[in-house]
């Protein structure tokens, strides 16, 4: 699985991002460098949020700031691993 390079030299695979509980967002209107209706992973950034921005991992596998109003939060079910608890 490809690794993502994030700020602070942290590297995560796509599977690890899915399991990390990071919010997924859907692009609804920033077509300059993102695909509309595509699901992206967002990263918490309180300074960016105060400025109306959202930190998103894009196709380049880097995180950048985008206008918050260009996204909606995705409510996706988590994958079932098939493991039985007990």
PDB file of N, CA and C in Angstrom:
ATOM      1  N   UNK A   1       0.825  -1.173   0.000  1.00  0.00           N
ATOM      2  CA  UNK A   1       0.000   0.000   0.000  1.00  0.00           C
ATOM      3  C   UNK A   1       0.880   1.251   0.000  1.00  0.00           C
ATOM      4  N   UNK A   2       0.576   2.287  -0.793  1.00  0.00           N
ATOM      5  CA  UNK A   2       1.435   3.465  -0.819  1.00  0.00           C
ATOM      6  C   UNK A   2       1.393   4.212   0.501  1.00  0.00           C
ATOM      7  N   UNK A   3       2.506   4.807   0.867  1.00  0.00           N
ATOM      8  CA  UNK A   3       2.573   5.598   2.098  1.00  0.00           C
ATOM      9  C   UNK A   3       2.307   7.053   1.776  1.00  0.00           C
ATOM     10  N   UNK A   4       1.702   7.761   2.702  1.00  0.00           N
ATOM     11  CA  UNK A   4       1.444   9.182   2.546  1.00  0.00           C
ATOM     12  C   UNK A   4       2.444   9.959   3.374  1.00  0.00           C
ATOM     13  N   UNK A   5       2.992  10.998   2.798  1.00  0.00           N
ATOM     14  CA  UNK A   5       3.929  11.840   3.514  1.00  0.00           C
ATOM     15  C   UNK A   5       3.159  13.010   4.111  1.00  0.00           C
ATOM     16  N   UNK A   6       3.191  13.130   5.409  1.00  0.00           N
ATOM     17  CA  UNK A   6       2.464  14.188   6.094  1.00  0.00           C
ATOM     18  C   UNK A   6       3.436  15.126   6.781  1.00  0.00           C
ATOM     19  N   UNK A   7       2.939  16.252   7.209  1.00  0.00           N
ATOM     20  CA  UNK A   7       3.768  17.224   7.915  1.00  0.00           C
ATOM     21  C   UNK A   7       4.442  16.572   9.107  1.00  0.00           C
ATOM     22  N   UNK A   8       5.646  16.970   9.411  1.00  0.00           N
ATOM     23  CA  UNK A   8       6.363  16.433  10.555  1.00  0.00           C
ATOM     24  C   UNK A   8       7.020  15.100  10.268  1.00  0.00           C
ATOM     25  N   UNK A   9       7.266  14.799   8.999  1.00  0.00           N
ATOM     26  CA  UNK A   9       7.920  13.555   8.582  1.00  0.00           C
ATOM     27  C   UNK A   9       7.173  12.311   9.043  1.00  0.00           C
ATOM     28  N   UNK A  10       5.881  12.409   9.232  1.00  0.00           N
ATOM     29  CA  UNK A  10       5.073  11.266   9.608  1.00  0.00           C
ATOM     30  C   UNK A  10       4.598  10.602   8.325  1.00  0.00           C
ATOM     31  N   UNK A  11       4.631   9.287   8.278  1.00  0.00           N
ATOM     32  CA  UNK A  11       4.221   8.564   7.085  1.00  0.00           C
ATOM     33  C   UNK A  11       3.178   7.522   7.462  1.00  0.00           C
ATOM     34  N   UNK A  12       2.059   7.506   6.741  1.00  0.00           N
ATOM     35  CA  UNK A  12       0.978   6.561   6.996  1.00  0.00           C
ATOM     36  C   UNK A  12       0.539   5.935   5.685  1.00  0.00           C
ATOM     37  N   UNK A  13       0.111   4.681   5.741  1.00  0.00           N
ATOM     38  CA  UNK A  13      -0.457   4.062   4.554  1.00  0.00           C
ATOM     39  C   UNK A  13      -1.925   4.444   4.471  1.00  0.00           C
ATOM     40  N   UNK A  14      -2.528   4.239   3.318  1.00  0.00           N
ATOM     41  CA  UNK A  14      -3.943   4.541   3.147  1.00  0.00           C
ATOM     42  C   UNK A  14      -4.775   3.719   4.128  1.00  0.00           C
ATOM     43  N   UNK A  15      -4.438   2.453   4.331  1.00  0.00           N
ATOM     44  CA  UNK A  15      -5.183   1.611   5.281  1.00  0.00           C
ATOM     45  C   UNK A  15      -5.095   2.181   6.683  1.00  0.00           C
ATOM     46  N   UNK A  16      -3.919   2.653   7.081  1.00  0.00           N
ATOM     47  CA  UNK A  16      -3.759   3.232   8.415  1.00  0.00           C
ATOM     48  C   UNK A  16      -4.583   4.495   8.554  1.00  0.00           C
ATOM     49  N   UNK A  17      -4.689   5.298   7.492  1.00  0.00           N
ATOM     50  CA  UNK A  17      -5.512   6.497   7.559  1.00  0.00           C
ATOM     51  C   UNK A  17      -6.974   6.124   7.753  1.00  0.00           C
ATOM     52  N   UNK A  18      -7.436   5.095   7.027  1.00  0.00           N
ATOM     53  CA  UNK A  18      -8.830   4.661   7.168  1.00  0.00           C
ATOM     54  C   UNK A  18      -9.119   4.223   8.592  1.00  0.00           C
ATOM     55  N   UNK A  19      -8.179   3.541   9.229  1.00  0.00           N
ATOM     56  CA  UNK A  19      -8.377   3.019  10.572  1.00  0.00           C
ATOM     57  C   UNK A  19      -8.085   4.050  11.652  1.00  0.00           C
ATOM     58  N   UNK A  20      -7.461   5.161  11.290  1.00  0.00           N
ATOM     59  CA  UNK A  20      -7.060   6.148  12.288  1.00  0.00           C
ATOM     60  C   UNK A  20      -8.221   6.989  12.789  1.00  0.00           C
ATOM     61  N   UNK A  21      -9.356   6.939  12.092  1.00  0.00           N
ATOM     62  CA  UNK A  21     -10.501   7.730  12.505  1.00  0.00           C
ATOM     63  C   UNK A  21     -10.431   9.168  12.029  1.00  0.00           C
ATOM     64  N   UNK A  22      -9.505   9.472  11.144  1.00  0.00           N
ATOM     65  CA  UNK A  22      -9.447  10.832  10.594  1.00  0.00           C
ATOM     66  C   UNK A  22     -10.707  11.076   9.780  1.00  0.00           C
ATOM     67  N   UNK A  23     -11.268  12.262   9.898  1.00  0.00           N
ATOM     68  CA  UNK A  23     -12.504  12.524   9.163  1.00  0.00           C
ATOM     69  C   UNK A  23     -12.286  12.517   7.652  1.00  0.00           C
ATOM     70  N   UNK A  24     -13.242  11.929   6.958  1.00  0.00           N
ATOM     71  CA  UNK A  24     -13.222  11.953   5.510  1.00  0.00           C
ATOM     72  C   UNK A  24     -14.191  13.039   5.066  1.00  0.00           C
ATOM     73  N   UNK A  25     -13.812  13.746   4.023  1.00  0.00           N
ATOM     74  CA  UNK A  25     -14.622  14.841   3.511  1.00  0.00           C
ATOM     75  C   UNK A  25     -14.823  14.650   2.017  1.00  0.00           C
ATOM     76  N   UNK A  26     -15.894  15.216   1.498  1.00  0.00           N
ATOM     77  CA  UNK A  26     -16.187  15.152   0.074  1.00  0.00           C
ATOM     78  C   UNK A  26     -16.053  16.551  -0.502  1.00  0.00           C
ATOM     79  N   UNK A  27     -15.288  16.669  -1.576  1.00  0.00           N
ATOM     80  CA  UNK A  27     -15.114  17.957  -2.244  1.00  0.00           C
ATOM     81  C   UNK A  27     -16.401  18.294  -2.989  1.00  0.00           C
ATOM     82  N   UNK A  28     -16.920  19.498  -2.752  1.00  0.00           N
ATOM     83  CA  UNK A  28     -18.153  19.909  -3.436  1.00  0.00           C
ATOM     84  C   UNK A  28     -17.958  21.138  -4.302  1.00  0.00           C
ATOM     85  N   UNK A  29     -16.733  21.694  -4.336  1.00  0.00           N
ATOM     86  CA  UNK A  29     -16.639  22.890  -5.148  1.00  0.00           C
ATOM     87  C   UNK A  29     -15.287  23.518  -5.349  1.00  0.00           C
ATOM     88  N   UNK A  30     -14.186  22.827  -5.153  1.00  0.00           N
ATOM     89  CA  UNK A  30     -12.870  23.419  -5.384  1.00  0.00           C
ATOM     90  C   UNK A  30     -12.205  22.652  -6.510  1.00  0.00           C
ATOM     91  N   UNK A  31     -12.549  22.999  -7.741  1.00  0.00           N
ATOM     92  CA  UNK A  31     -12.127  22.221  -8.892  1.00  0.00           C
ATOM     93  C   UNK A  31     -10.785  22.648  -9.474  1.00  0.00           C
ATOM     94  N   UNK A  32     -10.112  23.596  -8.859  1.00  0.00           N
ATOM     95  CA  UNK A  32      -8.825  24.048  -9.369  1.00  0.00           C
ATOM     96  C   UNK A  32      -7.803  22.915  -9.299  1.00  0.00           C
ATOM     97  N   UNK A  33      -7.717  22.236  -8.155  1.00  0.00           N
ATOM     98  CA  UNK A  33      -6.734  21.162  -8.019  1.00  0.00           C
ATOM     99  C   UNK A  33      -7.300  19.887  -7.401  1.00  0.00           C
ATOM    100  N   UNK A  34      -8.605  19.872  -7.114  1.00  0.00           N
ATOM    101  CA  UNK A  34      -9.247  18.696  -6.530  1.00  0.00           C
ATOM    102  C   UNK A  34     -10.370  18.226  -7.438  1.00  0.00           C
ATOM    103  N   UNK A  35     -10.775  16.971  -7.256  1.00  0.00           N
ATOM    104  CA  UNK A  35     -11.875  16.424  -8.040  1.00  0.00           C
ATOM    105  C   UNK A  35     -13.179  16.572  -7.268  1.00  0.00           C
ATOM    106  N   UNK A  36     -14.159  17.166  -7.904  1.00  0.00           N
ATOM    107  CA  UNK A  36     -15.467  17.324  -7.285  1.00  0.00           C
ATOM    108  C   UNK A  36     -16.096  15.959  -7.053  1.00  0.00           C
ATOM    109  N   UNK A  37     -16.768  15.783  -5.926  1.00  0.00           N
ATOM    110  CA  UNK A  37     -17.443  14.551  -5.488  1.00  0.00           C
ATOM    111  C   UNK A  37     -16.467  13.436  -5.110  1.00  0.00           C
ATOM    112  N   UNK A  38     -15.195  13.747  -4.970  1.00  0.00           N
ATOM    113  CA  UNK A  38     -14.219  12.746  -4.541  1.00  0.00           C
ATOM    114  C   UNK A  38     -14.056  12.835  -3.027  1.00  0.00           C
ATOM    115  N   UNK A  39     -13.815  11.679  -2.395  1.00  0.00           N
ATOM    116  CA  UNK A  39     -13.623  11.626  -0.950  1.00  0.00           C
ATOM    117  C   UNK A  39     -12.144  11.823  -0.637  1.00  0.00           C
ATOM    118  N   UNK A  40     -11.861  12.718   0.291  1.00  0.00           N
ATOM    119  CA  UNK A  40     -10.505  13.005   0.740  1.00  0.00           C
ATOM    120  C   UNK A  40     -10.422  12.825   2.251  1.00  0.00           C
ATOM    121  N   UNK A  41      -9.224  12.618   2.754  1.00  0.00           N
ATOM    122  CA  UNK A  41      -8.983  12.530   4.195  1.00  0.00           C
ATOM    123  C   UNK A  41      -8.553  13.910   4.670  1.00  0.00           C
ATOM    124  N   UNK A  42      -9.138  14.367   5.772  1.00  0.00           N
ATOM    125  CA  UNK A  42      -8.748  15.659   6.341  1.00  0.00           C
ATOM    126  C   UNK A  42      -7.921  15.440   7.603  1.00  0.00           C
ATOM    127  N   UNK A  43      -7.145  16.441   7.941  1.00  0.00           N
ATOM    128  CA  UNK A  43      -6.279  16.402   9.117  1.00  0.00           C
ATOM    129  C   UNK A  43      -6.657  17.577  10.011  1.00  0.00           C
ATOM    130  N   UNK A  44      -6.820  17.316  11.292  1.00  0.00           N
ATOM    131  CA  UNK A  44      -7.168  18.387  12.238  1.00  0.00           C
ATOM    132  C   UNK A  44      -6.067  19.451  12.255  1.00  0.00           C
ATOM    133  N   UNK A  45      -6.474  20.706  12.150  1.00  0.00           N
ATOM    134  CA  UNK A  45      -5.544  21.833  12.181  1.00  0.00           C
ATOM    135  C   UNK A  45      -6.318  23.033  12.723  1.00  0.00           C
ATOM    136  N   UNK A  46      -6.197  23.280  14.017  1.00  0.00           N
ATOM    137  CA  UNK A  46      -6.994  24.333  14.660  1.00  0.00           C
ATOM    138  C   UNK A  46      -6.680  25.726  14.121  1.00  0.00           C
ATOM    139  N   UNK A  47      -5.426  25.990  13.772  1.00  0.00           N
ATOM    140  CA  UNK A  47      -5.080  27.314  13.205  1.00  0.00           C
ATOM    141  C   UNK A  47      -5.745  27.516  11.853  1.00  0.00           C
ATOM    142  N   UNK A  48      -5.754  26.468  11.031  1.00  0.00           N
ATOM    143  CA  UNK A  48      -6.389  26.562   9.715  1.00  0.00           C
ATOM    144  C   UNK A  48      -7.892  26.776   9.854  1.00  0.00           C
ATOM    145  N   UNK A  49      -8.511  26.046  10.795  1.00  0.00           N
ATOM    146  CA  UNK A  49      -9.951  26.164  10.992  1.00  0.00           C
ATOM    147  C   UNK A  49     -10.348  27.582  11.396  1.00  0.00           C
ATOM    148  N   UNK A  50      -9.526  28.244  12.195  1.00  0.00           N
ATOM    149  CA  UNK A  50      -9.811  29.628  12.600  1.00  0.00           C
ATOM    150  C   UNK A  50      -9.815  30.559  11.401  1.00  0.00           C
ATOM    151  N   UNK A  51      -9.109  30.170  10.339  1.00  0.00           N
ATOM    152  CA  UNK A  51      -9.030  30.973   9.116  1.00  0.00           C
ATOM    153  C   UNK A  51     -10.007  30.500   8.043  1.00  0.00           C
ATOM    154  N   UNK A  52     -10.894  29.555   8.416  1.00  0.00           N
ATOM    155  CA  UNK A  52     -11.869  29.045   7.462  1.00  0.00           C
ATOM    156  C   UNK A  52     -11.276  28.071   6.458  1.00  0.00           C
ATOM    157  N   UNK A  53     -10.178  27.438   6.830  1.00  0.00           N
ATOM    158  CA  UNK A  53      -9.495  26.498   5.945  1.00  0.00           C
ATOM    159  C   UNK A  53      -9.591  25.083   6.513  1.00  0.00           C
ATOM    160  N   UNK A  54      -9.372  24.093   5.648  1.00  0.00           N
ATOM    161  CA  UNK A  54      -9.382  22.695   6.030  1.00  0.00           C
ATOM    162  C   UNK A  54      -8.122  22.063   5.445  1.00  0.00           C
ATOM    163  N   UNK A  55      -7.391  21.308   6.272  1.00  0.00           N
ATOM    164  CA  UNK A  55      -6.175  20.630   5.783  1.00  0.00           C
ATOM    165  C   UNK A  55      -6.592  19.279   5.222  1.00  0.00           C
ATOM    166  N   UNK A  56      -6.295  19.063   3.926  1.00  0.00           N
ATOM    167  CA  UNK A  56      -6.751  17.890   3.203  1.00  0.00           C
ATOM    168  C   UNK A  56      -5.568  17.234   2.490  1.00  0.00           C
ATOM    169  N   UNK A  57      -5.551  15.893   2.494  1.00  0.00           N
ATOM    170  CA  UNK A  57      -4.551  15.154   1.724  1.00  0.00           C
ATOM    171  C   UNK A  57      -5.108  15.001   0.311  1.00  0.00           C
ATOM    172  N   UNK A  58      -4.381  15.529  -0.677  1.00  0.00           N
ATOM    173  CA  UNK A  58      -4.879  15.499  -2.051  1.00  0.00           C
ATOM    174  C   UNK A  58      -4.227  14.394  -2.873  1.00  0.00           C
ATOM    175  N   UNK A  59      -4.414  14.441  -4.193  1.00  0.00           N
ATOM    176  CA  UNK A  59      -3.898  13.408  -5.081  1.00  0.00           C
ATOM    177  C   UNK A  59      -2.382  13.287  -5.060  1.00  0.00           C
ATOM    178  N   UNK A  60      -1.697  14.346  -4.699  1.00  0.00           N
ATOM    179  CA  UNK A  60      -0.229  14.309  -4.646  1.00  0.00           C
ATOM    180  C   UNK A  60       0.264  13.619  -3.376  1.00  0.00           C
ATOM    181  N   UNK A  61      -0.697  13.196  -2.527  1.00  0.00           N
ATOM    182  CA  UNK A  61      -0.413  12.551  -1.239  1.00  0.00           C
ATOM    183  C   UNK A  61       0.257  13.502  -0.254  1.00  0.00           C
ATOM    184  N   UNK A  62       0.067  14.774  -0.463  1.00  0.00           N
ATOM    185  CA  UNK A  62       0.551  15.809   0.452  1.00  0.00           C
ATOM    186  C   UNK A  62      -0.667  16.489   1.062  1.00  0.00           C
ATOM    187  N   UNK A  63      -0.481  17.107   2.224  1.00  0.00           N
ATOM    188  CA  UNK A  63      -1.593  17.832   2.832  1.00  0.00           C
ATOM    189  C   UNK A  63      -1.450  19.320   2.545  1.00  0.00           C
ATOM    190  N   UNK A  64      -2.572  19.937   2.153  1.00  0.00           N
ATOM    191  CA  UNK A  64      -2.629  21.354   1.829  1.00  0.00           C
ATOM    192  C   UNK A  64      -3.889  21.947   2.440  1.00  0.00           C
ATOM    193  N   UNK A  65      -3.918  23.266   2.524  1.00  0.00           N
ATOM    194  CA  UNK A  65      -5.101  23.967   3.024  1.00  0.00           C
ATOM    195  C   UNK A  65      -6.013  24.337   1.868  1.00  0.00           C
ATOM    196  N   UNK A  66      -7.312  24.121   2.090  1.00  0.00           N
ATOM    197  CA  UNK A  66      -8.325  24.461   1.101  1.00  0.00           C
ATOM    198  C   UNK A  66      -9.472  25.161   1.829  1.00  0.00           C
ATOM    199  N   UNK A  67     -10.281  25.961   1.108  1.00  0.00           N
ATOM    200  CA  UNK A  67     -11.430  26.613   1.746  1.00  0.00           C
ATOM    201  C   UNK A  67     -12.392  25.580   2.330  1.00  0.00           C
ATOM    202  N   UNK A  68     -12.746  25.772   3.599  1.00  0.00           N
ATOM    203  CA  UNK A  68     -13.607  24.822   4.307  1.00  0.00           C
ATOM    204  C   UNK A  68     -14.960  24.653   3.620  1.00  0.00           C
ATOM    205  N   UNK A  69     -15.479  25.712   3.012  1.00  0.00           N
ATOM    206  CA  UNK A  69     -16.798  25.638   2.379  1.00  0.00           C
ATOM    207  C   UNK A  69     -16.789  24.790   1.103  1.00  0.00           C
ATOM    208  N   UNK A  70     -15.628  24.340   0.677  1.00  0.00           N
ATOM    209  CA  UNK A  70     -15.529  23.491  -0.514  1.00  0.00           C
ATOM    210  C   UNK A  70     -15.726  22.012  -0.190  1.00  0.00           C
ATOM    211  N   UNK A  71     -16.024  21.680   1.081  1.00  0.00           N
ATOM    212  CA  UNK A  71     -16.134  20.286   1.514  1.00  0.00           C
ATOM    213  C   UNK A  71     -17.340  20.081   2.420  1.00  0.00           C
ATOM    214  N   UNK A  72     -17.839  18.851   2.420  1.00  0.00           N
ATOM    215  CA  UNK A  72     -18.819  18.415   3.410  1.00  0.00           C
ATOM    216  C   UNK A  72     -18.255  17.162   4.060  1.00  0.00           C
ATOM    217  N   UNK A  73     -18.619  16.931   5.313  1.00  0.00           N
ATOM    218  CA  UNK A  73     -18.150  15.749   6.021  1.00  0.00           C
ATOM    219  C   UNK A  73     -18.838  14.513   5.471  1.00  0.00           C
ATOM    220  N   UNK A  74     -18.055  13.487   5.207  1.00  0.00           N
ATOM    221  CA  UNK A  74     -18.598  12.220   4.702  1.00  0.00           C
ATOM    222  C   UNK A  74     -18.967  11.341   5.885  1.00  0.00           C
ATOM    223  N   UNK A  75     -20.143  10.777   5.871  1.00  0.00           N
ATOM    224  CA  UNK A  75     -20.592   9.850   6.905  1.00  0.00           C
ATOM    225  C   UNK A  75     -20.529   8.448   6.314  1.00  0.00           C
ATOM    226  N   UNK A  76     -19.354   7.845   6.333  1.00  0.00           N
ATOM    227  CA  UNK A  76     -19.147   6.538   5.724  1.00  0.00           C
ATOM    228  C   UNK A  76     -19.072   5.451   6.784  1.00  0.00           C
ATOM    229  N   UNK A  77     -19.657   4.289   6.503  1.00  0.00           N
ATOM    230  CA  UNK A  77     -19.531   3.177   7.456  1.00  0.00           C
ATOM    231  C   UNK A  77     -18.109   2.659   7.458  1.00  0.00           C
ATOM    232  N   UNK A  78     -17.638   2.227   8.601  1.00  0.00           N
ATOM    233  CA  UNK A  78     -16.292   1.644   8.722  1.00  0.00           C
ATOM    234  C   UNK A  78     -16.314   0.232   8.195  1.00  0.00           C
ATOM    235  N   UNK A  79     -15.189  -0.197   7.659  1.00  0.00           N
ATOM    236  CA  UNK A  79     -15.073  -1.563   7.143  1.00  0.00           C
ATOM    237  C   UNK A  79     -15.170  -2.586   8.256  1.00  0.00           C
ATOM    238  N   UNK A  80     -15.859  -3.672   7.981  1.00  0.00           N
ATOM    239  CA  UNK A  80     -15.942  -4.787   8.917  1.00  0.00           C
ATOM    240  C   UNK A  80     -14.766  -5.702   8.628  1.00  0.00           C
ATOM    241  N   UNK A  81     -13.948  -5.959   9.634  1.00  0.00           N
ATOM    242  CA  UNK A  81     -12.773  -6.802   9.448  1.00  0.00           C
ATOM    243  C   UNK A  81     -13.108  -8.276   9.464  1.00  0.00           C
ATOM    244  N   UNK A  82     -14.352  -8.616   9.832  1.00  0.00           N
ATOM    245  CA  UNK A  82     -14.754 -10.003   9.885  1.00  0.00           C
ATOM    246  C   UNK A  82     -14.332 -10.715  11.155  1.00  0.00           C
ATOM    247  N   UNK A  83     -13.669 -10.005  12.061  1.00  0.00           N
ATOM    248  CA  UNK A  83     -13.233 -10.605  13.315  1.00  0.00           C
ATOM    249  C   UNK A  83     -14.396 -10.658  14.293  1.00  0.00           C
ATOM    250  N   UNK A  84     -14.481 -11.748  15.000  1.00  0.00           N
ATOM    251  CA  UNK A  84     -15.548 -11.924  15.986  1.00  0.00           C
ATOM    252  C   UNK A  84     -15.005 -11.522  17.351  1.00  0.00           C
ATOM    253  N   UNK A  85     -15.733 -10.639  18.019  1.00  0.00           N
ATOM    254  CA  UNK A  85     -15.352 -10.217  19.372  1.00  0.00           C
ATOM    255  C   UNK A  85     -15.900 -11.222  20.370  1.00  0.00           C
ATOM    256  N   UNK A  86     -15.138 -11.530  21.382  1.00  0.00           N
ATOM    257  CA  UNK A  86     -15.707 -12.438  22.363  1.00  0.00           C
ATOM    258  C   UNK A  86     -14.752 -13.028  23.304  1.00  0.00           C
TER     259      UNK A  86
END
